[in-house]
Amino acid sequence: MNVEEKLKLIDEIESIRTKNNVNWMDLLRLAFKVAPDEAKILVRRINEDDKRISDLFAKLGE
């Protein structure tokens, strides 16, 4: 796969992720409407895991 093909693939991934992020936010809104206490716990867990992922990415960039 050449550089142009890789860049096109990255563009496609970006497009899909953009749409999927909207889906995640819609799901989050629904969760807070239906079960706010449980949603708050899940958001905390997601945030903790996201921080762990960010820390791992930081190590890759060292």
PDB file of N, CA and C in Angstrom:
ATOM      1  N   MET A   1       0.860  -1.172   0.000  1.00  0.00           N
ATOM      2  CA  MET A   1       0.000   0.000   0.000  1.00  0.00           C
ATOM      3  C   MET A   1       0.908   1.237   0.000  1.00  0.00           C
ATOM      4  N   ASN A   2       0.688   2.131  -0.962  1.00  0.00           N
ATOM      5  CA  ASN A   2       1.511   3.336  -1.043  1.00  0.00           C
ATOM      6  C   ASN A   2       0.968   4.428  -0.125  1.00  0.00           C
ATOM      7  N   VAL A   3       1.683   5.540  -0.058  1.00  0.00           N
ATOM      8  CA  VAL A   3       1.317   6.629   0.844  1.00  0.00           C
ATOM      9  C   VAL A   3      -0.057   7.195   0.507  1.00  0.00           C
ATOM     10  N   GLU A   4      -0.352   7.378  -0.752  1.00  0.00           N
ATOM     11  CA  GLU A   4      -1.658   7.922  -1.144  1.00  0.00           C
ATOM     12  C   GLU A   4      -2.797   7.007  -0.700  1.00  0.00           C
ATOM     13  N   GLU A   5      -2.607   5.711  -0.858  1.00  0.00           N
ATOM     14  CA  GLU A   5      -3.638   4.756  -0.426  1.00  0.00           C
ATOM     15  C   GLU A   5      -3.814   4.808   1.087  1.00  0.00           C
ATOM     16  N   LYS A   6      -2.712   4.946   1.816  1.00  0.00           N
ATOM     17  CA  LYS A   6      -2.791   5.039   3.273  1.00  0.00           C
ATOM     18  C   LYS A   6      -3.506   6.302   3.699  1.00  0.00           C
ATOM     19  N   LEU A   7      -3.231   7.411   3.002  1.00  0.00           N
ATOM     20  CA  LEU A   7      -3.903   8.670   3.330  1.00  0.00           C
ATOM     21  C   LEU A   7      -5.399   8.596   3.051  1.00  0.00           C
ATOM     22  N   LYS A   8      -5.774   7.942   1.963  1.00  0.00           N
ATOM     23  CA  LYS A   8      -7.197   7.748   1.662  1.00  0.00           C
ATOM     24  C   LYS A   8      -7.862   6.897   2.734  1.00  0.00           C
ATOM     25  N   LEU A   9      -7.165   5.879   3.194  1.00  0.00           N
ATOM     26  CA  LEU A   9      -7.674   5.009   4.249  1.00  0.00           C
ATOM     27  C   LEU A   9      -7.866   5.801   5.537  1.00  0.00           C
ATOM     28  N   ILE A  10      -6.906   6.653   5.862  1.00  0.00           N
ATOM     29  CA  ILE A  10      -7.020   7.498   7.054  1.00  0.00           C
ATOM     30  C   ILE A  10      -8.214   8.430   6.920  1.00  0.00           C
ATOM     31  N   ASP A  11      -8.439   9.004   5.754  1.00  0.00           N
ATOM     32  CA  ASP A  11      -9.605   9.864   5.522  1.00  0.00           C
ATOM     33  C   ASP A  11     -10.902   9.096   5.731  1.00  0.00           C
ATOM     34  N   GLU A  12     -10.937   7.878   5.256  1.00  0.00           N
ATOM     35  CA  GLU A  12     -12.139   7.048   5.415  1.00  0.00           C
ATOM     36  C   GLU A  12     -12.387   6.742   6.892  1.00  0.00           C
ATOM     37  N   ILE A  13     -11.327   6.404   7.606  1.00  0.00           N
ATOM     38  CA  ILE A  13     -11.450   6.136   9.044  1.00  0.00           C
ATOM     39  C   ILE A  13     -11.954   7.385   9.767  1.00  0.00           C
ATOM     40  N   GLU A  14     -11.408   8.543   9.406  1.00  0.00           N
ATOM     41  CA  GLU A  14     -11.821   9.794  10.029  1.00  0.00           C
ATOM     42  C   GLU A  14     -13.309  10.054   9.801  1.00  0.00           C
ATOM     43  N   SER A  15     -13.772   9.806   8.597  1.00  0.00           N
ATOM     44  CA  SER A  15     -15.176  10.011   8.278  1.00  0.00           C
ATOM     45  C   SER A  15     -16.078   9.093   9.112  1.00  0.00           C
ATOM     46  N   ILE A  16     -15.694   7.855   9.214  1.00  0.00           N
ATOM     47  CA  ILE A  16     -16.478   6.888   9.988  1.00  0.00           C
ATOM     48  C   ILE A  16     -16.456   7.258  11.465  1.00  0.00           C
ATOM     49  N   ARG A  17     -15.292   7.636  11.975  1.00  0.00           N
ATOM     50  CA  ARG A  17     -15.181   8.009  13.388  1.00  0.00           C
ATOM     51  C   ARG A  17     -16.014   9.233  13.700  1.00  0.00           C
ATOM     52  N   THR A  18     -16.068  10.181  12.786  1.00  0.00           N
ATOM     53  CA  THR A  18     -16.871  11.386  12.994  1.00  0.00           C
ATOM     54  C   THR A  18     -18.336  11.012  13.182  1.00  0.00           C
ATOM     55  N   LYS A  19     -18.839  10.164  12.306  1.00  0.00           N
ATOM     56  CA  LYS A  19     -20.234   9.723  12.412  1.00  0.00           C
ATOM     57  C   LYS A  19     -20.447   8.916  13.684  1.00  0.00           C
ATOM     58  N   ASN A  20     -19.481   8.074  14.021  1.00  0.00           N
ATOM     59  CA  ASN A  20     -19.628   7.236  15.202  1.00  0.00           C
ATOM     60  C   ASN A  20     -19.577   8.080  16.483  1.00  0.00           C
ATOM     61  N   ASN A  21     -18.796   9.157  16.473  1.00  0.00           N
ATOM     62  CA  ASN A  21     -18.765  10.040  17.638  1.00  0.00           C
ATOM     63  C   ASN A  21     -20.130  10.661  17.884  1.00  0.00           C
ATOM     64  N   VAL A  22     -20.845  10.993  16.819  1.00  0.00           N
ATOM     65  CA  VAL A  22     -22.207  11.516  16.969  1.00  0.00           C
ATOM     66  C   VAL A  22     -23.094  10.448  17.610  1.00  0.00           C
ATOM     67  N   ASN A  23     -22.943   9.216  17.167  1.00  0.00           N
ATOM     68  CA  ASN A  23     -23.719   8.118  17.764  1.00  0.00           C
ATOM     69  C   ASN A  23     -23.416   7.985  19.256  1.00  0.00           C
ATOM     70  N   TRP A  24     -22.150   8.070  19.624  1.00  0.00           N
ATOM     71  CA  TRP A  24     -21.763   7.976  21.040  1.00  0.00           C
ATOM     72  C   TRP A  24     -22.394   9.100  21.853  1.00  0.00           C
ATOM     73  N   MET A  25     -22.386  10.311  21.320  1.00  0.00           N
ATOM     74  CA  MET A  25     -22.963  11.444  22.048  1.00  0.00           C
ATOM     75  C   MET A  25     -24.477  11.288  22.184  1.00  0.00           C
ATOM     76  N   ASP A  26     -25.131  10.782  21.156  1.00  0.00           N
ATOM     77  CA  ASP A  26     -26.571  10.522  21.242  1.00  0.00           C
ATOM     78  C   ASP A  26     -26.857   9.471  22.314  1.00  0.00           C
ATOM     79  N   LEU A  27     -26.034   8.446  22.344  1.00  0.00           N
ATOM     80  CA  LEU A  27     -26.191   7.395  23.359  1.00  0.00           C
ATOM     81  C   LEU A  27     -25.971   7.966  24.760  1.00  0.00           C
ATOM     82  N   LEU A  28     -24.987   8.836  24.891  1.00  0.00           N
ATOM     83  CA  LEU A  28     -24.707   9.462  26.173  1.00  0.00           C
ATOM     84  C   LEU A  28     -25.880  10.329  26.630  1.00  0.00           C
ATOM     85  N   ARG A  29     -26.449  11.099  25.720  1.00  0.00           N
ATOM     86  CA  ARG A  29     -27.625  11.917  26.059  1.00  0.00           C
ATOM     87  C   ARG A  29     -28.777  11.037  26.547  1.00  0.00           C
ATOM     88  N   LEU A  30     -29.016   9.960  25.827  1.00  0.00           N
ATOM     89  CA  LEU A  30     -30.085   9.037  26.205  1.00  0.00           C
ATOM     90  C   LEU A  30     -29.829   8.437  27.586  1.00  0.00           C
ATOM     91  N   ALA A  31     -28.593   8.029  27.820  1.00  0.00           N
ATOM     92  CA  ALA A  31     -28.250   7.428  29.116  1.00  0.00           C
ATOM     93  C   ALA A  31     -28.518   8.405  30.261  1.00  0.00           C
ATOM     94  N   PHE A  32     -28.143   9.684  30.081  1.00  0.00           N
ATOM     95  CA  PHE A  32     -28.362  10.655  31.149  1.00  0.00           C
ATOM     96  C   PHE A  32     -29.842  10.985  31.336  1.00  0.00           C
ATOM     97  N   LYS A  33     -30.636  10.842  30.287  1.00  0.00           N
ATOM     98  CA  LYS A  33     -32.077  11.062  30.427  1.00  0.00           C
ATOM     99  C   LYS A  33     -32.742   9.902  31.152  1.00  0.00           C
ATOM    100  N   VAL A  34     -32.335   8.682  30.815  1.00  0.00           N
ATOM    101  CA  VAL A  34     -33.018   7.494  31.317  1.00  0.00           C
ATOM    102  C   VAL A  34     -32.467   7.035  32.670  1.00  0.00           C
ATOM    103  N   ALA A  35     -31.154   7.080  32.823  1.00  0.00           N
ATOM    104  CA  ALA A  35     -30.534   6.578  34.046  1.00  0.00           C
ATOM    105  C   ALA A  35     -29.309   7.440  34.387  1.00  0.00           C
ATOM    106  N   PRO A  36     -29.546   8.653  34.865  1.00  0.00           N
ATOM    107  CA  PRO A  36     -28.437   9.592  35.070  1.00  0.00           C
ATOM    108  C   PRO A  36     -27.376   9.116  36.061  1.00  0.00           C
ATOM    109  N   ASP A  37     -27.784   8.488  37.138  1.00  0.00           N
ATOM    110  CA  ASP A  37     -26.790   8.033  38.120  1.00  0.00           C
ATOM    111  C   ASP A  37     -25.876   6.961  37.537  1.00  0.00           C
ATOM    112  N   GLU A  38     -26.471   6.005  36.828  1.00  0.00           N
ATOM    113  CA  GLU A  38     -25.681   4.950  36.200  1.00  0.00           C
ATOM    114  C   GLU A  38     -24.813   5.510  35.086  1.00  0.00           C
ATOM    115  N   ALA A  39     -25.347   6.471  34.341  1.00  0.00           N
ATOM    116  CA  ALA A  39     -24.593   7.087  33.248  1.00  0.00           C
ATOM    117  C   ALA A  39     -23.364   7.805  33.791  1.00  0.00           C
ATOM    118  N   LYS A  40     -23.519   8.478  34.920  1.00  0.00           N
ATOM    119  CA  LYS A  40     -22.398   9.197  35.524  1.00  0.00           C
ATOM    120  C   LYS A  40     -21.269   8.230  35.896  1.00  0.00           C
ATOM    121  N   ILE A  41     -21.613   7.077  36.420  1.00  0.00           N
ATOM    122  CA  ILE A  41     -20.610   6.065  36.778  1.00  0.00           C
ATOM    123  C   ILE A  41     -19.892   5.572  35.525  1.00  0.00           C
ATOM    124  N   LEU A  42     -20.651   5.310  34.467  1.00  0.00           N
ATOM    125  CA  LEU A  42     -20.050   4.838  33.220  1.00  0.00           C
ATOM    126  C   LEU A  42     -19.122   5.883  32.604  1.00  0.00           C
ATOM    127  N   VAL A  43     -19.537   7.142  32.661  1.00  0.00           N
ATOM    128  CA  VAL A  43     -18.702   8.206  32.110  1.00  0.00           C
ATOM    129  C   VAL A  43     -17.382   8.291  32.872  1.00  0.00           C
ATOM    130  N   ARG A  44     -17.438   8.136  34.164  1.00  0.00           N
ATOM    131  CA  ARG A  44     -16.197   8.132  34.959  1.00  0.00           C
ATOM    132  C   ARG A  44     -15.283   6.984  34.536  1.00  0.00           C
ATOM    133  N   ARG A  45     -15.856   5.809  34.353  1.00  0.00           N
ATOM    134  CA  ARG A  45     -15.060   4.651  33.928  1.00  0.00           C
ATOM    135  C   ARG A  45     -14.440   4.887  32.548  1.00  0.00           C
ATOM    136  N   ILE A  46     -15.238   5.400  31.635  1.00  0.00           N
ATOM    137  CA  ILE A  46     -14.740   5.685  30.284  1.00  0.00           C
ATOM    138  C   ILE A  46     -13.600   6.695  30.355  1.00  0.00           C
ATOM    139  N   ASN A  47     -13.773   7.734  31.158  1.00  0.00           N
ATOM    140  CA  ASN A  47     -12.754   8.766  31.290  1.00  0.00           C
ATOM    141  C   ASN A  47     -11.450   8.183  31.855  1.00  0.00           C
ATOM    142  N   GLU A  48     -11.560   7.312  32.836  1.00  0.00           N
ATOM    143  CA  GLU A  48     -10.375   6.673  33.413  1.00  0.00           C
ATOM    144  C   GLU A  48      -9.647   5.831  32.362  1.00  0.00           C
ATOM    145  N   ASP A  49     -10.397   5.064  31.597  1.00  0.00           N
ATOM    146  CA  ASP A  49      -9.781   4.234  30.559  1.00  0.00           C
ATOM    147  C   ASP A  49      -9.174   5.090  29.453  1.00  0.00           C
ATOM    148  N   ASP A  50      -9.852   6.188  29.094  1.00  0.00           N
ATOM    149  CA  ASP A  50      -9.300   7.095  28.086  1.00  0.00           C
ATOM    150  C   ASP A  50      -7.977   7.692  28.552  1.00  0.00           C
ATOM    151  N   LYS A  51      -7.891   8.004  29.840  1.00  0.00           N
ATOM    152  CA  LYS A  51      -6.640   8.538  30.373  1.00  0.00           C
ATOM    153  C   LYS A  51      -5.535   7.486  30.276  1.00  0.00           C
ATOM    154  N   ARG A  52      -5.860   6.245  30.580  1.00  0.00           N
ATOM    155  CA  ARG A  52      -4.865   5.167  30.475  1.00  0.00           C
ATOM    156  C   ARG A  52      -4.378   5.031  29.035  1.00  0.00           C
ATOM    157  N   ILE A  53      -5.311   5.130  28.088  1.00  0.00           N
ATOM    158  CA  ILE A  53      -4.946   5.043  26.673  1.00  0.00           C
ATOM    159  C   ILE A  53      -4.047   6.222  26.298  1.00  0.00           C
ATOM    160  N   SER A  54      -4.399   7.424  26.750  1.00  0.00           N
ATOM    161  CA  SER A  54      -3.580   8.604  26.460  1.00  0.00           C
ATOM    162  C   SER A  54      -2.177   8.451  27.031  1.00  0.00           C
ATOM    163  N   ASP A  55      -2.069   7.894  28.218  1.00  0.00           N
ATOM    164  CA  ASP A  55      -0.757   7.666  28.834  1.00  0.00           C
ATOM    165  C   ASP A  55       0.080   6.702  28.000  1.00  0.00           C
ATOM    166  N   LEU A  56      -0.567   5.662  27.472  1.00  0.00           N
ATOM    167  CA  LEU A  56       0.141   4.695  26.620  1.00  0.00           C
ATOM    168  C   LEU A  56       0.599   5.356  25.318  1.00  0.00           C
ATOM    169  N   PHE A  57      -0.262   6.204  24.731  1.00  0.00           N
ATOM    170  CA  PHE A  57       0.122   6.923  23.526  1.00  0.00           C
ATOM    171  C   PHE A  57       1.311   7.849  23.804  1.00  0.00           C
ATOM    172  N   ALA A  58       1.306   8.470  24.966  1.00  0.00           N
ATOM    173  CA  ALA A  58       2.407   9.353  25.334  1.00  0.00           C
ATOM    174  C   ALA A  58       3.724   8.582  25.382  1.00  0.00           C
ATOM    175  N   LYS A  59       3.674   7.361  25.902  1.00  0.00           N
ATOM    176  CA  LYS A  59       4.879   6.529  25.953  1.00  0.00           C
ATOM    177  C   LYS A  59       5.377   6.201  24.549  1.00  0.00           C
ATOM    178  N   LEU A  60       4.443   5.991  23.618  1.00  0.00           N
ATOM    179  CA  LEU A  60       4.834   5.704  22.242  1.00  0.00           C
ATOM    180  C   LEU A  60       5.540   6.901  21.613  1.00  0.00           C
ATOM    181  N   GLY A  61       5.155   8.100  22.040  1.00  0.00           N
ATOM    182  CA  GLY A  61       5.728   9.309  21.476  1.00  0.00           C
ATOM    183  C   GLY A  61       7.050   9.733  22.096  1.00  0.00           C
ATOM    184  N   GLU A  62       7.498   8.999  23.102  1.00  0.00           N
ATOM    185  CA  GLU A  62       8.764   9.367  23.779  1.00  0.00           C
ATOM    186  C   GLU A  62       9.953   8.997  22.922  1.00  0.00           C
TER     187      GLU A  62
END
